[in-house]
Amino acid sequence: MVPCGDGVGGEAGAVSVHGQQYFCIYDPLTGDPVRCSFDDSISLEKITELLTRHARVRVSGPVKCNRAGAPVHVRVASFREIPAQKDLPQIKDLHAAGVNIAQGVDSVTYIREMRNGK
């Protein structure tokens, strides 16, 4: 495993207090578990409550990834609940609201300018 970031997010789905305490969150794209180890400064009760609701969470702390670059372990420094996918604005909502992130600029030009730092 190699260091590869400082946080990941996914659905909380498992907890263990046997030996080293950890819980797992599951990658929303692959469904693969990411083991999240934690110490007594993290509330086991809050983690259990999130698991019971199958809540989505964002954990912060040093991340280790496998050779393919996928996160496999986080040493949790903090965590927070994030909204369920169904509760987030959907593309149709953005269109209905008239949101135009390109502000009238052609999308190809807009992306090119973003890549060039303009």
PDB file of N, CA and C in Angstrom:
ATOM      1  N   MET A   1       0.839  -1.178   0.000  1.00  0.00           N
ATOM      2  CA  MET A   1       0.000   0.000   0.000  1.00  0.00           C
ATOM      3  C   MET A   1       0.883   1.239   0.000  1.00  0.00           C
ATOM      4  N   VAL A   2       0.380   2.282  -0.644  1.00  0.00           N
ATOM      5  CA  VAL A   2       1.119   3.537  -0.721  1.00  0.00           C
ATOM      6  C   VAL A   2       0.219   4.698  -0.297  1.00  0.00           C
ATOM      7  N   PRO A   3       0.795   5.741   0.324  1.00  0.00           N
ATOM      8  CA  PRO A   3      -0.007   6.912   0.666  1.00  0.00           C
ATOM      9  C   PRO A   3      -0.575   7.529  -0.602  1.00  0.00           C
ATOM     10  N   CYS A   4      -1.841   7.979  -0.535  1.00  0.00           N
ATOM     11  CA  CYS A   4      -2.428   8.518  -1.768  1.00  0.00           C
ATOM     12  C   CYS A   4      -3.473   9.597  -1.540  1.00  0.00           C
ATOM     13  N   GLY A   5      -3.579  10.145  -0.354  1.00  0.00           N
ATOM     14  CA  GLY A   5      -4.562  11.209  -0.177  1.00  0.00           C
ATOM     15  C   GLY A   5      -4.846  11.477   1.282  1.00  0.00           C
ATOM     16  N   ASP A   6      -5.920  12.246   1.487  1.00  0.00           N
ATOM     17  CA  ASP A   6      -6.261  12.611   2.854  1.00  0.00           C
ATOM     18  C   ASP A   6      -7.744  12.456   3.161  1.00  0.00           C
ATOM     19  N   GLY A   7      -8.459  11.643   2.409  1.00  0.00           N
ATOM     20  CA  GLY A   7      -9.859  11.400   2.736  1.00  0.00           C
ATOM     21  C   GLY A   7     -10.590  10.668   1.632  1.00  0.00           C
ATOM     22  N   VAL A   8     -11.681  10.023   2.022  1.00  0.00           N
ATOM     23  CA  VAL A   8     -12.549   9.318   1.080  1.00  0.00           C
ATOM     24  C   VAL A   8     -13.985   9.411   1.581  1.00  0.00           C
ATOM     25  N   GLY A   9     -14.922   9.084   0.708  1.00  0.00           N
ATOM     26  CA  GLY A   9     -16.326   9.084   1.086  1.00  0.00           C
ATOM     27  C   GLY A   9     -17.032   7.860   0.553  1.00  0.00           C
ATOM     28  N   GLY A  10     -18.105   7.473   1.211  1.00  0.00           N
ATOM     29  CA  GLY A  10     -18.906   6.344   0.778  1.00  0.00           C
ATOM     30  C   GLY A  10     -19.938   5.996   1.831  1.00  0.00           C
ATOM     31  N   GLU A  11     -20.654   4.903   1.601  1.00  0.00           N
ATOM     32  CA  GLU A  11     -21.691   4.474   2.534  1.00  0.00           C
ATOM     33  C   GLU A  11     -21.083   3.658   3.662  1.00  0.00           C
ATOM     34  N   ALA A  12     -21.441   4.018   4.896  1.00  0.00           N
ATOM     35  CA  ALA A  12     -20.973   3.272   6.059  1.00  0.00           C
ATOM     36  C   ALA A  12     -21.691   1.926   6.098  1.00  0.00           C
ATOM     37  N   GLY A  13     -20.923   0.844   6.376  1.00  0.00           N
ATOM     38  CA  GLY A  13     -21.579  -0.446   6.315  1.00  0.00           C
ATOM     39  C   GLY A  13     -21.077  -1.537   7.223  1.00  0.00           C
ATOM     40  N   ALA A  14     -20.027  -1.346   7.992  1.00  0.00           N
ATOM     41  CA  ALA A  14     -19.523  -2.407   8.872  1.00  0.00           C
ATOM     42  C   ALA A  14     -18.688  -1.766   9.963  1.00  0.00           C
ATOM     43  N   VAL A  15     -18.673  -2.388  11.151  1.00  0.00           N
ATOM     44  CA  VAL A  15     -17.833  -1.902  12.245  1.00  0.00           C
ATOM     45  C   VAL A  15     -17.317  -3.101  13.029  1.00  0.00           C
ATOM     46  N   SER A  16     -16.086  -2.990  13.530  1.00  0.00           N
ATOM     47  CA  SER A  16     -15.504  -4.038  14.357  1.00  0.00           C
ATOM     48  C   SER A  16     -14.735  -3.386  15.493  1.00  0.00           C
ATOM     49  N   VAL A  17     -14.886  -3.927  16.684  1.00  0.00           N
ATOM     50  CA  VAL A  17     -14.119  -3.451  17.831  1.00  0.00           C
ATOM     51  C   VAL A  17     -13.243  -4.571  18.380  1.00  0.00           C
ATOM     52  N   HIS A  18     -13.132  -5.653  17.634  1.00  0.00           N
ATOM     53  CA  HIS A  18     -12.282  -6.781  18.014  1.00  0.00           C
ATOM     54  C   HIS A  18     -10.856  -6.465  17.587  1.00  0.00           C
ATOM     55  N   GLY A  19      -9.942  -6.359  18.552  1.00  0.00           N
ATOM     56  CA  GLY A  19      -8.570  -5.952  18.217  1.00  0.00           C
ATOM     57  C   GLY A  19      -8.567  -4.474  17.889  1.00  0.00           C
ATOM     58  N   GLN A  20      -8.030  -4.131  16.733  1.00  0.00           N
ATOM     59  CA  GLN A  20      -8.026  -2.730  16.308  1.00  0.00           C
ATOM     60  C   GLN A  20      -9.436  -2.332  15.869  1.00  0.00           C
ATOM     61  N   GLN A  21      -9.923  -1.203  16.380  1.00  0.00           N
ATOM     62  CA  GLN A  21     -11.255  -0.717  16.005  1.00  0.00           C
ATOM     63  C   GLN A  21     -11.222  -0.216  14.560  1.00  0.00           C
ATOM     64  N   TYR A  22     -12.237  -0.567  13.801  1.00  0.00           N
ATOM     65  CA  TYR A  22     -12.361  -0.024  12.452  1.00  0.00           C
ATOM     66  C   TYR A  22     -13.806  -0.113  11.996  1.00  0.00           C
ATOM     67  N   PHE A  23     -14.114   0.677  10.994  1.00  0.00           N
ATOM     68  CA  PHE A  23     -15.373   0.531  10.283  1.00  0.00           C
ATOM     69  C   PHE A  23     -15.038   0.592   8.806  1.00  0.00           C
ATOM     70  N   CYS A  24     -15.966   0.179   7.995  1.00  0.00           N
ATOM     71  CA  CYS A  24     -15.758   0.226   6.548  1.00  0.00           C
ATOM     72  C   CYS A  24     -16.748   1.189   5.928  1.00  0.00           C
ATOM     73  N   ILE A  25     -16.282   1.859   4.912  1.00  0.00           N
ATOM     74  CA  ILE A  25     -17.192   2.570   4.033  1.00  0.00           C
ATOM     75  C   ILE A  25     -17.028   1.923   2.672  1.00  0.00           C
ATOM     76  N   TYR A  26     -18.059   2.002   1.868  1.00  0.00           N
ATOM     77  CA  TYR A  26     -18.065   1.320   0.589  1.00  0.00           C
ATOM     78  C   TYR A  26     -18.056   2.328  -0.543  1.00  0.00           C
ATOM     79  N   ASP A  27     -17.081   2.167  -1.433  1.00  0.00           N
ATOM     80  CA  ASP A  27     -16.910   3.052  -2.584  1.00  0.00           C
ATOM     81  C   ASP A  27     -18.204   3.082  -3.395  1.00  0.00           C
ATOM     82  N   PRO A  28     -18.730   4.274  -3.684  1.00  0.00           N
ATOM     83  CA  PRO A  28     -20.006   4.349  -4.406  1.00  0.00           C
ATOM     84  C   PRO A  28     -19.939   3.855  -5.845  1.00  0.00           C
ATOM     85  N   LEU A  29     -18.763   3.838  -6.458  1.00  0.00           N
ATOM     86  CA  LEU A  29     -18.649   3.386  -7.840  1.00  0.00           C
ATOM     87  C   LEU A  29     -18.365   1.895  -7.956  1.00  0.00           C
ATOM     88  N   THR A  30     -17.483   1.391  -7.100  1.00  0.00           N
ATOM     89  CA  THR A  30     -17.080  -0.013  -7.220  1.00  0.00           C
ATOM     90  C   THR A  30     -17.742  -0.922  -6.201  1.00  0.00           C
ATOM     91  N   GLY A  31     -18.224  -0.340  -5.090  1.00  0.00           N
ATOM     92  CA  GLY A  31     -18.779  -1.153  -4.010  1.00  0.00           C
ATOM     93  C   GLY A  31     -17.714  -1.779  -3.124  1.00  0.00           C
ATOM     94  N   ASP A  32     -16.448  -1.504  -3.408  1.00  0.00           N
ATOM     95  CA  ASP A  32     -15.351  -2.073  -2.624  1.00  0.00           C
ATOM     96  C   ASP A  32     -15.254  -1.403  -1.251  1.00  0.00           C
ATOM     97  N   PRO A  33     -14.914  -2.187  -0.215  1.00  0.00           N
ATOM     98  CA  PRO A  33     -14.784  -1.598   1.115  1.00  0.00           C
ATOM     99  C   PRO A  33     -13.460  -0.857   1.282  1.00  0.00           C
ATOM    100  N   VAL A  34     -13.505   0.199   2.080  1.00  0.00           N
ATOM    101  CA  VAL A  34     -12.313   0.919   2.498  1.00  0.00           C
ATOM    102  C   VAL A  34     -12.292   0.836   4.022  1.00  0.00           C
ATOM    103  N   ARG A  35     -11.264   0.228   4.564  1.00  0.00           N
ATOM    104  CA  ARG A  35     -11.153   0.039   6.013  1.00  0.00           C
ATOM    105  C   ARG A  35     -10.729   1.354   6.664  1.00  0.00           C
ATOM    106  N   CYS A  36     -11.475   1.762   7.682  1.00  0.00           N
ATOM    107  CA  CYS A  36     -11.240   3.033   8.349  1.00  0.00           C
ATOM    108  C   CYS A  36     -10.936   2.769   9.820  1.00  0.00           C
ATOM    109  N   SER A  37      -9.658   2.775  10.183  1.00  0.00           N
ATOM    110  CA  SER A  37      -9.291   2.519  11.573  1.00  0.00           C
ATOM    111  C   SER A  37      -9.402   3.817  12.362  1.00  0.00           C
ATOM    112  N   PHE A  38      -9.757   3.676  13.655  1.00  0.00           N
ATOM    113  CA  PHE A  38      -9.958   4.858  14.482  1.00  0.00           C
ATOM    114  C   PHE A  38      -9.602   4.548  15.928  1.00  0.00           C
ATOM    115  N   ASP A  39      -9.349   5.615  16.706  1.00  0.00           N
ATOM    116  CA  ASP A  39      -9.030   5.437  18.126  1.00  0.00           C
ATOM    117  C   ASP A  39     -10.199   5.935  18.970  1.00  0.00           C
ATOM    118  N   ASP A  40     -10.001   5.986  20.268  1.00  0.00           N
ATOM    119  CA  ASP A  40     -11.080   6.337  21.186  1.00  0.00           C
ATOM    120  C   ASP A  40     -11.530   7.792  21.088  1.00  0.00           C
ATOM    121  N   SER A  41     -10.802   8.621  20.363  1.00  0.00           N
ATOM    122  CA  SER A  41     -11.246  10.008  20.186  1.00  0.00           C
ATOM    123  C   SER A  41     -12.432  10.104  19.223  1.00  0.00           C
ATOM    124  N   ILE A  42     -12.689   9.036  18.472  1.00  0.00           N
ATOM    125  CA  ILE A  42     -13.819   8.971  17.550  1.00  0.00           C
ATOM    126  C   ILE A  42     -14.971   8.268  18.266  1.00  0.00           C
ATOM    127  N   SER A  43     -16.158   8.823  18.171  1.00  0.00           N
ATOM    128  CA  SER A  43     -17.326   8.293  18.875  1.00  0.00           C
ATOM    129  C   SER A  43     -17.856   7.015  18.219  1.00  0.00           C
ATOM    130  N   LEU A  44     -17.696   5.900  18.927  1.00  0.00           N
ATOM    131  CA  LEU A  44     -18.234   4.630  18.444  1.00  0.00           C
ATOM    132  C   LEU A  44     -19.755   4.704  18.325  1.00  0.00           C
ATOM    133  N   GLU A  45     -20.402   5.420  19.227  1.00  0.00           N
ATOM    134  CA  GLU A  45     -21.857   5.557  19.185  1.00  0.00           C
ATOM    135  C   GLU A  45     -22.307   6.275  17.916  1.00  0.00           C
ATOM    136  N   LYS A  46     -21.592   7.340  17.541  1.00  0.00           N
ATOM    137  CA  LYS A  46     -21.948   8.078  16.322  1.00  0.00           C
ATOM    138  C   LYS A  46     -21.722   7.218  15.086  1.00  0.00           C
ATOM    139  N   ILE A  47     -20.618   6.477  15.061  1.00  0.00           N
ATOM    140  CA  ILE A  47     -20.347   5.588  13.929  1.00  0.00           C
ATOM    141  C   ILE A  47     -21.456   4.540  13.817  1.00  0.00           C
ATOM    142  N   THR A  48     -21.830   3.934  14.936  1.00  0.00           N
ATOM    143  CA  THR A  48     -22.886   2.920  14.938  1.00  0.00           C
ATOM    144  C   THR A  48     -24.208   3.492  14.449  1.00  0.00           C
ATOM    145  N   GLU A  49     -24.518   4.707  14.865  1.00  0.00           N
ATOM    146  CA  GLU A  49     -25.761   5.358  14.436  1.00  0.00           C
ATOM    147  C   GLU A  49     -25.752   5.585  12.920  1.00  0.00           C
ATOM    148  N   LEU A  50     -24.620   6.006  12.379  1.00  0.00           N
ATOM    149  CA  LEU A  50     -24.511   6.203  10.931  1.00  0.00           C
ATOM    150  C   LEU A  50     -24.642   4.877  10.185  1.00  0.00           C
ATOM    151  N   LEU A  51     -24.037   3.819  10.729  1.00  0.00           N
ATOM    152  CA  LEU A  51     -24.145   2.498  10.118  1.00  0.00           C
ATOM    153  C   LEU A  51     -25.590   2.020  10.085  1.00  0.00           C
ATOM    154  N   THR A  52     -26.280   2.218  11.185  1.00  0.00           N
ATOM    155  CA  THR A  52     -27.670   1.771  11.285  1.00  0.00           C
ATOM    156  C   THR A  52     -28.532   2.419  10.203  1.00  0.00           C
ATOM    157  N   ARG A  53     -28.234   3.660   9.867  1.00  0.00           N
ATOM    158  CA  ARG A  53     -28.999   4.380   8.837  1.00  0.00           C
ATOM    159  C   ARG A  53     -28.424   4.213   7.427  1.00  0.00           C
ATOM    160  N   HIS A  54     -27.341   3.459   7.282  1.00  0.00           N
ATOM    161  CA  HIS A  54     -26.653   3.312   5.985  1.00  0.00           C
ATOM    162  C   HIS A  54     -26.301   4.676   5.413  1.00  0.00           C
ATOM    163  N   ALA A  55     -25.862   5.574   6.295  1.00  0.00           N
ATOM    164  CA  ALA A  55     -25.538   6.948   5.901  1.00  0.00           C
ATOM    165  C   ALA A  55     -24.275   6.981   5.046  1.00  0.00           C
ATOM    166  N   ARG A  56     -24.181   8.020   4.236  1.00  0.00           N
ATOM    167  CA  ARG A  56     -22.948   8.287   3.506  1.00  0.00           C
ATOM    168  C   ARG A  56     -22.073   9.156   4.387  1.00  0.00           C
ATOM    169  N   VAL A  57     -20.781   8.863   4.403  1.00  0.00           N
ATOM    170  CA  VAL A  57     -19.857   9.617   5.243  1.00  0.00           C
ATOM    171  C   VAL A  57     -18.616  10.000   4.454  1.00  0.00           C
ATOM    172  N   ARG A  58     -17.985  11.049   4.923  1.00  0.00           N
ATOM    173  CA  ARG A  58     -16.683  11.494   4.409  1.00  0.00           C
ATOM    174  C   ARG A  58     -15.714  11.374   5.568  1.00  0.00           C
ATOM    175  N   VAL A  59     -14.664  10.593   5.388  1.00  0.00           N
ATOM    176  CA  VAL A  59     -13.649  10.450   6.423  1.00  0.00           C
ATOM    177  C   VAL A  59     -12.395  11.188   5.975  1.00  0.00           C
ATOM    178  N   SER A  60     -11.734  11.815   6.942  1.00  0.00           N
ATOM    179  CA  SER A  60     -10.498  12.527   6.663  1.00  0.00           C
ATOM    180  C   SER A  60      -9.378  11.909   7.478  1.00  0.00           C
ATOM    181  N   GLY A  61      -8.221  11.829   6.872  1.00  0.00           N
ATOM    182  CA  GLY A  61      -7.040  11.269   7.496  1.00  0.00           C
ATOM    183  C   GLY A  61      -6.157  10.672   6.421  1.00  0.00           C
ATOM    184  N   PRO A  62      -4.981  10.192   6.793  1.00  0.00           N
ATOM    185  CA  PRO A  62      -4.078   9.601   5.804  1.00  0.00           C
ATOM    186  C   PRO A  62      -4.707   8.384   5.121  1.00  0.00           C
ATOM    187  N   VAL A  63      -4.652   8.379   3.790  1.00  0.00           N
ATOM    188  CA  VAL A  63      -5.233   7.298   2.984  1.00  0.00           C
ATOM    189  C   VAL A  63      -4.112   6.477   2.370  1.00  0.00           C
ATOM    190  N   LYS A  64      -4.278   5.163   2.379  1.00  0.00           N
ATOM    191  CA  LYS A  64      -3.352   4.272   1.675  1.00  0.00           C
ATOM    192  C   LYS A  64      -4.126   3.596   0.552  1.00  0.00           C
ATOM    193  N   CYS A  65      -3.468   3.477  -0.599  1.00  0.00           N
ATOM    194  CA  CYS A  65      -4.093   2.905  -1.789  1.00  0.00           C
ATOM    195  C   CYS A  65      -3.332   1.669  -2.251  1.00  0.00           C
ATOM    196  N   ASN A  66      -4.027   0.829  -3.015  1.00  0.00           N
ATOM    197  CA  ASN A  66      -3.371  -0.330  -3.605  1.00  0.00           C
ATOM    198  C   ASN A  66      -2.609   0.110  -4.861  1.00  0.00           C
ATOM    199  N   ARG A  67      -1.987  -0.819  -5.538  1.00  0.00           N
ATOM    200  CA  ARG A  67      -1.178  -0.482  -6.728  1.00  0.00           C
ATOM    201  C   ARG A  67      -1.997   0.133  -7.847  1.00  0.00           C
ATOM    202  N   ALA A  68      -3.292  -0.178  -7.882  1.00  0.00           N
ATOM    203  CA  ALA A  68      -4.164   0.376  -8.918  1.00  0.00           C
ATOM    204  C   ALA A  68      -4.619   1.797  -8.585  1.00  0.00           C
ATOM    205  N   GLY A  69      -4.258   2.284  -7.380  1.00  0.00           N
ATOM    206  CA  GLY A  69      -4.634   3.634  -6.989  1.00  0.00           C
ATOM    207  C   GLY A  69      -5.963   3.728  -6.259  1.00  0.00           C
ATOM    208  N   ALA A  70      -6.578   2.588  -5.944  1.00  0.00           N
ATOM    209  CA  ALA A  70      -7.851   2.589  -5.226  1.00  0.00           C
ATOM    210  C   ALA A  70      -7.606   2.660  -3.720  1.00  0.00           C
ATOM    211  N   PRO A  71      -8.357   3.489  -2.998  1.00  0.00           N
ATOM    212  CA  PRO A  71      -8.168   3.570  -1.547  1.00  0.00           C
ATOM    213  C   PRO A  71      -8.555   2.261  -0.874  1.00  0.00           C
ATOM    214  N   VAL A  72      -7.738   1.828   0.092  1.00  0.00           N
ATOM    215  CA  VAL A  72      -8.031   0.594   0.826  1.00  0.00           C
ATOM    216  C   VAL A  72      -8.016   0.798   2.342  1.00  0.00           C
ATOM    217  N   HIS A  73      -7.378   1.885   2.820  1.00  0.00           N
ATOM    218  CA  HIS A  73      -7.308   2.117   4.265  1.00  0.00           C
ATOM    219  C   HIS A  73      -7.195   3.601   4.564  1.00  0.00           C
ATOM    220  N   VAL A  74      -7.906   4.026   5.614  1.00  0.00           N
ATOM    221  CA  VAL A  74      -7.803   5.400   6.109  1.00  0.00           C
ATOM    222  C   VAL A  74      -7.603   5.339   7.608  1.00  0.00           C
ATOM    223  N   ARG A  75      -6.660   6.110   8.106  1.00  0.00           N
ATOM    224  CA  ARG A  75      -6.506   6.296   9.557  1.00  0.00           C
ATOM    225  C   ARG A  75      -7.328   7.539   9.880  1.00  0.00           C
ATOM    226  N   VAL A  76      -8.509   7.355  10.445  1.00  0.00           N
ATOM    227  CA  VAL A  76      -9.497   8.423  10.577  1.00  0.00           C
ATOM    228  C   VAL A  76      -9.071   9.467  11.606  1.00  0.00           C
ATOM    229  N   ALA A  77      -8.989  10.707  11.138  1.00  0.00           N
ATOM    230  CA  ALA A  77      -8.761  11.846  12.022  1.00  0.00           C
ATOM    231  C   ALA A  77     -10.098  12.503  12.357  1.00  0.00           C
ATOM    232  N   SER A  78     -11.011  12.506  11.383  1.00  0.00           N
ATOM    233  CA  SER A  78     -12.353  13.049  11.589  1.00  0.00           C
ATOM    234  C   SER A  78     -13.272  12.461  10.528  1.00  0.00           C
ATOM    235  N   PHE A  79     -14.568  12.606  10.768  1.00  0.00           N
ATOM    236  CA  PHE A  79     -15.540  12.161   9.786  1.00  0.00           C
ATOM    237  C   PHE A  79     -16.796  13.001   9.924  1.00  0.00           C
ATOM    238  N   ARG A  80     -17.594  13.011   8.877  1.00  0.00           N
ATOM    239  CA  ARG A  80     -18.864  13.734   8.907  1.00  0.00           C
ATOM    240  C   ARG A  80     -19.841  13.060   7.956  1.00  0.00           C
ATOM    241  N   GLU A  81     -21.094  13.207   8.251  1.00  0.00           N
ATOM    242  CA  GLU A  81     -22.128  12.680   7.370  1.00  0.00           C
ATOM    243  C   GLU A  81     -22.252  13.591   6.166  1.00  0.00           C
ATOM    244  N   ILE A  82     -22.497  13.000   5.007  1.00  0.00           N
ATOM    245  CA  ILE A  82     -22.754  13.767   3.795  1.00  0.00           C
ATOM    246  C   ILE A  82     -24.135  13.386   3.286  1.00  0.00           C
ATOM    247  N   PRO A  83     -24.793  14.259   2.536  1.00  0.00           N
ATOM    248  CA  PRO A  83     -26.157  13.980   2.091  1.00  0.00           C
ATOM    249  C   PRO A  83     -26.239  12.718   1.230  1.00  0.00           C
ATOM    250  N   ALA A  84     -27.366  12.049   1.337  1.00  0.00           N
ATOM    251  CA  ALA A  84     -27.627  10.890   0.477  1.00  0.00           C
ATOM    252  C   ALA A  84     -27.706  11.364  -0.969  1.00  0.00           C
ATOM    253  N   GLN A  85     -27.336  10.510  -1.891  1.00  0.00           N
ATOM    254  CA  GLN A  85     -27.342  10.860  -3.314  1.00  0.00           C
ATOM    255  C   GLN A  85     -28.711  11.396  -3.747  1.00  0.00           C
ATOM    256  N   LYS A  86     -29.770  10.771  -3.245  1.00  0.00           N
ATOM    257  CA  LYS A  86     -31.118  11.181  -3.642  1.00  0.00           C
ATOM    258  C   LYS A  86     -31.471  12.587  -3.151  1.00  0.00           C
ATOM    259  N   ASP A  87     -30.750  13.076  -2.133  1.00  0.00           N
ATOM    260  CA  ASP A  87     -31.018  14.394  -1.576  1.00  0.00           C
ATOM    261  C   ASP A  87     -30.187  15.499  -2.217  1.00  0.00           C
ATOM    262  N   LEU A  88     -29.291  15.143  -3.115  1.00  0.00           N
ATOM    263  CA  LEU A  88     -28.452  16.127  -3.801  1.00  0.00           C
ATOM    264  C   LEU A  88     -29.171  16.636  -5.048  1.00  0.00           C
ATOM    265  N   PRO A  89     -28.857  17.852  -5.470  1.00  0.00           N
ATOM    266  CA  PRO A  89     -29.456  18.349  -6.720  1.00  0.00           C
ATOM    267  C   PRO A  89     -29.077  17.436  -7.886  1.00  0.00           C
ATOM    268  N   GLN A  90     -30.029  17.176  -8.733  1.00  0.00           N
ATOM    269  CA  GLN A  90     -29.806  16.344  -9.907  1.00  0.00           C
ATOM    270  C   GLN A  90     -29.652  17.256 -11.128  1.00  0.00           C
ATOM    271  N   ILE A  91     -29.128  16.718 -12.202  1.00  0.00           N
ATOM    272  CA  ILE A  91     -28.921  17.506 -13.424  1.00  0.00           C
ATOM    273  C   ILE A  91     -30.212  18.184 -13.856  1.00  0.00           C
ATOM    274  N   LYS A  92     -31.322  17.461 -13.808  1.00  0.00           N
ATOM    275  CA  LYS A  92     -32.607  18.040 -14.233  1.00  0.00           C
ATOM    276  C   LYS A  92     -32.969  19.251 -13.365  1.00  0.00           C
ATOM    277  N   ASP A  93     -32.602  19.218 -12.075  1.00  0.00           N
ATOM    278  CA  ASP A  93     -32.871  20.350 -11.188  1.00  0.00           C
ATOM    279  C   ASP A  93     -32.041  21.563 -11.600  1.00  0.00           C
ATOM    280  N   LEU A  94     -30.797  21.326 -11.996  1.00  0.00           N
ATOM    281  CA  LEU A  94     -29.929  22.426 -12.433  1.00  0.00           C
ATOM    282  C   LEU A  94     -30.452  23.047 -13.715  1.00  0.00           C
ATOM    283  N   HIS A  95     -30.897  22.188 -14.646  1.00  0.00           N
ATOM    284  CA  HIS A  95     -31.469  22.705 -15.895  1.00  0.00           C
ATOM    285  C   HIS A  95     -32.729  23.501 -15.617  1.00  0.00           C
ATOM    286  N   ALA A  96     -33.596  22.991 -14.751  1.00  0.00           N
ATOM    287  CA  ALA A  96     -34.848  23.675 -14.421  1.00  0.00           C
ATOM    288  C   ALA A  96     -34.578  25.020 -13.757  1.00  0.00           C
ATOM    289  N   ALA A  97     -33.503  25.106 -12.988  1.00  0.00           N
ATOM    290  CA  ALA A  97     -33.162  26.358 -12.305  1.00  0.00           C
ATOM    291  C   ALA A  97     -32.424  27.334 -13.216  1.00  0.00           C
ATOM    292  N   GLY A  98     -32.089  26.884 -14.417  1.00  0.00           N
ATOM    293  CA  GLY A  98     -31.384  27.758 -15.355  1.00  0.00           C
ATOM    294  C   GLY A  98     -29.919  27.953 -15.030  1.00  0.00           C
ATOM    295  N   VAL A  99     -29.335  27.020 -14.280  1.00  0.00           N
ATOM    296  CA  VAL A  99     -27.921  27.126 -13.927  1.00  0.00           C
ATOM    297  C   VAL A  99     -27.075  26.904 -15.176  1.00  0.00           C
ATOM    298  N   ASN A 100     -26.151  27.809 -15.412  1.00  0.00           N
ATOM    299  CA  ASN A 100     -25.267  27.716 -16.568  1.00  0.00           C
ATOM    300  C   ASN A 100     -23.849  28.005 -16.080  1.00  0.00           C
ATOM    301  N   ILE A 101     -23.119  26.937 -15.711  1.00  0.00           N
ATOM    302  CA  ILE A 101     -21.781  27.157 -15.151  1.00  0.00           C
ATOM    303  C   ILE A 101     -20.818  27.771 -16.153  1.00  0.00           C
ATOM    304  N   ALA A 102     -21.073  27.573 -17.442  1.00  0.00           N
ATOM    305  CA  ALA A 102     -20.188  28.127 -18.465  1.00  0.00           C
ATOM    306  C   ALA A 102     -20.487  29.604 -18.725  1.00  0.00           C
ATOM    307  N   GLN A 103     -21.529  30.127 -18.127  1.00  0.00           N
ATOM    308  CA  GLN A 103     -21.919  31.537 -18.244  1.00  0.00           C
ATOM    309  C   GLN A 103     -21.988  32.017 -19.688  1.00  0.00           C
ATOM    310  N   GLY A 104     -22.591  31.198 -20.532  1.00  0.00           N
ATOM    311  CA  GLY A 104     -22.801  31.584 -21.915  1.00  0.00           C
ATOM    312  C   GLY A 104     -21.641  31.310 -22.850  1.00  0.00           C
ATOM    313  N   VAL A 105     -20.512  30.849 -22.317  1.00  0.00           N
ATOM    314  CA  VAL A 105     -19.347  30.537 -23.134  1.00  0.00           C
ATOM    315  C   VAL A 105     -19.511  29.115 -23.679  1.00  0.00           C
ATOM    316  N   ASP A 106     -19.069  28.900 -24.917  1.00  0.00           N
ATOM    317  CA  ASP A 106     -19.082  27.558 -25.503  1.00  0.00           C
ATOM    318  C   ASP A 106     -18.381  26.591 -24.546  1.00  0.00           C
ATOM    319  N   SER A 107     -18.944  25.385 -24.345  1.00  0.00           N
ATOM    320  CA  SER A 107     -18.408  24.447 -23.353  1.00  0.00           C
ATOM    321  C   SER A 107     -16.964  24.049 -23.636  1.00  0.00           C
ATOM    322  N   VAL A 108     -16.586  23.881 -24.898  1.00  0.00           N
ATOM    323  CA  VAL A 108     -15.208  23.521 -25.241  1.00  0.00           C
ATOM    324  C   VAL A 108     -14.260  24.648 -24.830  1.00  0.00           C
ATOM    325  N   THR A 109     -14.627  25.864 -25.128  1.00  0.00           N
ATOM    326  CA  THR A 109     -13.816  27.026 -24.762  1.00  0.00           C
ATOM    327  C   THR A 109     -13.743  27.157 -23.241  1.00  0.00           C
ATOM    328  N   TYR A 110     -14.866  26.955 -22.573  1.00  0.00           N
ATOM    329  CA  TYR A 110     -14.917  27.062 -21.115  1.00  0.00           C
ATOM    330  C   TYR A 110     -13.963  26.063 -20.460  1.00  0.00           C
ATOM    331  N   ILE A 111     -14.004  24.806 -20.891  1.00  0.00           N
ATOM    332  CA  ILE A 111     -13.132  23.777 -20.317  1.00  0.00           C
ATOM    333  C   ILE A 111     -11.679  24.069 -20.633  1.00  0.00           C
ATOM    334  N   ARG A 112     -11.386  24.497 -21.847  1.00  0.00           N
ATOM    335  CA  ARG A 112     -10.009  24.841 -22.220  1.00  0.00           C
ATOM    336  C   ARG A 112      -9.482  25.960 -21.321  1.00  0.00           C
ATOM    337  N   GLU A 113     -10.309  26.975 -21.065  1.00  0.00           N
ATOM    338  CA  GLU A 113      -9.884  28.083 -20.206  1.00  0.00           C
ATOM    339  C   GLU A 113      -9.677  27.609 -18.759  1.00  0.00           C
ATOM    340  N   MET A 114     -10.538  26.710 -18.293  1.00  0.00           N
ATOM    341  CA  MET A 114     -10.388  26.179 -16.949  1.00  0.00           C
ATOM    342  C   MET A 114      -9.073  25.406 -16.822  1.00  0.00           C
ATOM    343  N   ARG A 115      -8.737  24.609 -17.829  1.00  0.00           N
ATOM    344  CA  ARG A 115      -7.491  23.845 -17.805  1.00  0.00           C
ATOM    345  C   ARG A 115      -6.272  24.743 -17.830  1.00  0.00           C
ATOM    346  N   ASN A 116      -6.401  25.884 -18.495  1.00  0.00           N
ATOM    347  CA  ASN A 116      -5.279  26.815 -18.603  1.00  0.00           C
ATOM    348  C   ASN A 116      -5.231  27.796 -17.433  1.00  0.00           C
ATOM    349  N   GLY A 117      -6.121  27.627 -16.469  1.00  0.00           N
ATOM    350  CA  GLY A 117      -6.108  28.459 -15.270  1.00  0.00           C
ATOM    351  C   GLY A 117      -6.668  29.858 -15.455  1.00  0.00           C
ATOM    352  N   LYS A 118      -7.535  30.039 -16.442  1.00  0.00           N
ATOM    353  CA  LYS A 118      -8.121  31.373 -16.654  1.00  0.00           C
ATOM    354  C   LYS A 118      -9.439  31.491 -15.936  1.00  0.00           C
TER     355      LYS A 118
END
